[in-house]
Amino acid sequence: MEIPAISLVEQRQDIDIQADAERAILSLDTANSTGIKVKVGVAQGQVTLTGHLRSEMIAAGIERAVRAVNGVDSVVSHLVNDSSLVRRLATALASDARTQPIPPGYQVQSAFGRVLVVGVFDNEARLAIGQVCSSVPGVRSVQIRSLSDLPMSLSVNQPRPTASADRAGRPVLPPSTYRSRARWK
């Protein structure tokens, strides 16, 4: 199978399209305020977007802005947003035989594809969670923290935190139970 030759004019068009698409992304307030990095590739008018984002809304805005660029024929999005990634992780953890026996009450978070799982785990559960999370497309890294590893600053007069339920009905401790997220990076 022969690869069609691309003329110099077509290459220049793709370079121009790429530059315009990158400018369109940078002009979005939501993209600038979150510090995302989206890679833009162009081949014969087809734009391919890759990167990690915080939300579906930002991804939709980026795709819409790129589609509006003159010369774009189509957009292929490989953007991974954290909200969808957390849902896919929760589904994978709930359905995988290795992690089904883990009692509910743990939290799953993602920041630009970097996953943090917090709960009470033994070594076998940690290994299983790491394997399952790593197998989900879009995951860049996995960090597992056991509540027993995190110092809790509860005074004698403060009530113990109570569990609430997540969307799947599993109990979840409130975020105020944990130390600052900046420490987990």
Protein backbone atom coordinates (compact mmCIF):
# COMPACT_ATOMS: atom_id res chain seq x y z
CA MET A 1 0.00 0.00 0.00
CA GLU A 2 1.44 3.33 -1.05
CA ILE A 3 1.27 6.35 1.18
CA PRO A 4 -0.04 9.33 -0.78
CA ALA A 5 2.49 12.10 -1.25
CA ILE A 6 1.59 15.36 0.48
CA SER A 7 2.42 18.48 -1.46
CA LEU A 8 4.26 21.38 0.11
CA VAL A 9 1.03 23.42 -0.10
CA GLU A 10 -0.87 20.78 1.91
CA GLN A 11 1.90 20.60 4.52
CA ARG A 12 1.80 24.36 4.95
CA GLN A 13 -1.95 24.24 5.34
CA ASP A 14 -1.61 21.63 8.07
CA ILE A 15 1.02 23.74 9.82
CA ASP A 16 -1.29 26.77 9.63
CA ILE A 17 -4.25 24.73 10.87
CA GLN A 18 -2.18 23.43 13.78
CA ALA A 19 -1.07 26.93 14.76
CA ASP A 20 -4.64 28.25 14.53
CA ALA A 21 -5.99 25.31 16.55
CA GLU A 22 -3.37 25.85 19.26
CA ARG A 23 -4.27 29.57 19.37
CA ALA A 24 -7.97 28.71 19.59
CA ILE A 25 -7.29 26.43 22.59
CA LEU A 26 -5.10 29.04 24.31
CA SER A 27 -7.82 31.66 23.85
CA LEU A 28 -10.26 29.67 25.99
CA ASP A 29 -10.47 30.95 29.57
CA THR A 30 -11.30 27.47 30.90
CA ALA A 31 -8.21 26.02 29.27
CA ASN A 32 -5.92 28.75 30.59
CA SER A 33 -7.29 28.74 34.14
CA THR A 34 -6.76 25.00 34.65
CA GLY A 35 -3.23 24.74 33.28
CA ILE A 36 -3.98 21.97 30.80
CA LYS A 37 -1.64 20.91 28.03
CA VAL A 38 -3.30 19.67 24.88
CA LYS A 39 -1.21 18.28 22.04
CA VAL A 40 -2.49 19.12 18.59
CA GLY A 41 -1.62 17.06 15.53
CA VAL A 42 -2.85 17.74 12.01
CA ALA A 43 -2.76 15.51 8.93
CA GLN A 44 -4.59 16.57 5.77
CA GLY A 45 -7.07 18.71 7.71
CA GLN A 46 -7.81 16.08 10.35
CA VAL A 47 -6.94 17.40 13.82
CA THR A 48 -6.02 14.96 16.60
CA LEU A 49 -6.20 16.20 20.18
CA THR A 50 -4.48 14.42 23.09
CA GLY A 51 -4.14 15.39 26.74
CA HIS A 52 -5.68 15.25 30.21
CA LEU A 53 -8.34 17.68 31.42
CA ARG A 54 -10.36 18.26 34.57
CA SER A 55 -13.87 18.02 33.10
CA GLU A 56 -16.01 17.00 30.15
CA MET A 57 -17.09 20.61 29.75
CA ILE A 58 -13.53 21.77 29.09
CA ALA A 59 -13.03 18.94 26.58
CA ALA A 60 -16.23 19.88 24.74
CA GLY A 61 -15.16 23.54 24.63
CA ILE A 62 -11.76 22.67 23.21
CA GLU A 63 -13.26 20.40 20.55
CA ARG A 64 -15.81 23.08 19.60
CA ALA A 65 -13.08 25.77 19.33
CA VAL A 66 -10.89 23.54 17.15
CA ARG A 67 -13.79 22.56 14.85
CA ALA A 68 -14.38 26.28 14.21
CA VAL A 69 -10.82 26.74 12.86
CA ASN A 70 -10.72 27.39 9.11
CA GLY A 71 -9.48 24.31 7.21
CA VAL A 72 -10.37 21.70 9.85
CA ASP A 73 -12.15 18.78 8.17
CA SER A 74 -12.55 16.60 11.26
CA VAL A 75 -11.46 16.35 14.89
CA VAL A 76 -10.33 13.14 16.57
CA SER A 77 -10.33 13.59 20.31
CA HIS A 78 -8.14 11.52 22.60
CA LEU A 79 -8.75 13.93 25.46
CA VAL A 80 -9.15 12.27 28.86
CA ASN A 81 -11.18 14.14 31.45
CA ASP A 82 -10.95 13.37 35.15
CA SER A 83 -14.69 13.13 35.78
CA SER A 84 -15.15 10.40 33.16
CA LEU A 85 -11.93 8.71 34.26
CA VAL A 86 -13.14 8.48 37.89
CA ARG A 87 -16.42 6.90 36.69
CA ARG A 88 -14.49 4.35 34.60
CA LEU A 89 -12.21 3.60 37.56
CA ALA A 90 -15.18 3.11 39.91
CA THR A 91 -16.79 0.74 37.41
CA ALA A 92 -13.54 -1.21 36.97
CA LEU A 93 -12.95 -1.49 40.73
CA ALA A 94 -16.55 -2.55 41.39
CA SER A 95 -16.62 -5.17 38.65
CA ASP A 96 -13.13 -6.72 38.83
CA ALA A 97 -12.99 -9.98 40.79
CA ARG A 98 -9.72 -8.92 42.47
CA THR A 99 -11.24 -5.77 44.00
CA GLN A 100 -14.86 -6.82 44.62
CA PRO A 101 -14.05 -8.22 48.11
CA ILE A 102 -12.64 -4.86 49.26
CA PRO A 103 -15.16 -3.31 51.65
CA PRO A 104 -16.76 -0.06 50.50
CA GLY A 105 -15.69 3.26 51.95
CA TYR A 106 -12.70 4.22 49.85
CA GLN A 107 -12.41 7.28 47.63
CA VAL A 108 -11.12 7.53 44.07
CA GLN A 109 -9.87 10.86 42.75
CA SER A 110 -8.05 11.96 39.63
CA ALA A 111 -6.10 15.08 38.72
CA PHE A 112 -5.05 15.17 35.06
CA GLY A 113 -4.93 11.35 34.96
CA ARG A 114 -2.98 10.96 38.20
CA VAL A 115 -5.17 8.73 40.35
CA LEU A 116 -5.37 8.75 44.14
CA VAL A 117 -7.25 6.01 46.01
CA VAL A 118 -7.76 6.54 49.74
CA GLY A 119 -9.23 4.02 52.18
CA VAL A 120 -8.35 1.21 54.54
CA PHE A 121 -6.45 -1.49 52.65
CA ASP A 122 -4.25 -4.47 53.36
CA ASN A 123 -1.28 -5.20 51.09
CA GLU A 124 -3.25 -7.60 48.88
CA ALA A 125 -5.99 -5.01 48.33
CA ARG A 126 -3.39 -2.32 47.51
CA LEU A 127 -1.84 -4.56 44.87
CA ALA A 128 -5.23 -5.39 43.33
CA ILE A 129 -6.33 -1.74 43.29
CA GLY A 130 -3.06 -0.71 41.65
CA GLN A 131 -3.38 -3.36 38.95
CA VAL A 132 -7.02 -2.61 38.18
CA CYS A 133 -6.54 1.18 38.11
CA SER A 134 -3.42 0.92 35.94
CA SER A 135 -5.36 -1.09 33.36
CA VAL A 136 -7.92 1.69 32.78
CA PRO A 137 -7.07 3.76 29.67
CA GLY A 138 -6.11 7.35 30.48
CA VAL A 139 -4.51 6.61 33.87
CA ARG A 140 -1.04 8.16 34.06
CA SER A 141 -0.14 7.06 37.59
CA VAL A 142 -1.77 5.49 40.65
CA GLN A 143 -1.14 6.36 44.27
CA ILE A 144 -2.83 4.36 47.02
CA ARG A 145 -3.09 5.76 50.54
CA SER A 146 -4.44 3.91 53.52
CA LEU A 147 -6.26 5.95 56.12
CA SER A 148 -3.98 4.37 58.69
CA ASP A 149 -1.03 6.03 56.87
CA LEU A 150 -2.53 9.51 57.18
CA PRO A 151 -2.40 11.31 60.52
CA MET A 152 -5.85 12.45 61.55
CA SER A 153 -6.11 15.67 63.53
CA LEU A 154 -9.25 14.98 65.53
CA SER A 155 -9.46 16.39 69.01
CA VAL A 156 -11.19 14.54 71.83
CA ASN A 157 -14.20 16.86 71.59
CA GLN A 158 -14.70 16.46 67.84
CA PRO A 159 -17.09 13.78 66.67
CA ARG A 160 -15.75 11.04 64.43
CA PRO A 161 -16.53 11.61 60.77
CA THR A 162 -19.53 9.74 59.50
CA ALA A 163 -19.68 7.99 56.17
CA SER A 164 -21.89 9.17 53.34
CA ALA A 165 -22.73 7.25 50.19
CA ASP A 166 -21.31 7.80 46.73
CA ARG A 167 -23.31 7.34 43.52
CA ALA A 168 -22.81 3.59 43.65
CA GLY A 169 -24.13 3.44 47.23
CA ARG A 170 -20.70 2.78 48.76
CA PRO A 171 -19.96 4.75 51.94
CA VAL A 172 -17.38 7.51 51.60
CA LEU A 173 -15.67 9.52 54.32
CA PRO A 174 -15.87 13.30 53.91
CA PRO A 175 -12.81 14.97 52.34
CA SER A 176 -12.28 17.05 55.48
CA THR A 177 -11.07 13.82 57.11
CA TYR A 178 -7.85 13.91 55.10
CA ARG A 179 -4.89 16.24 55.02
CA SER A 180 -4.42 18.71 52.23
CA ARG A 181 -4.47 17.23 48.71
CA ALA A 182 -1.28 19.16 47.92
CA ARG A 183 0.61 16.76 50.17
CA TRP A 184 -0.43 13.79 47.97
CA LYS A 185 1.13 15.07 44.74
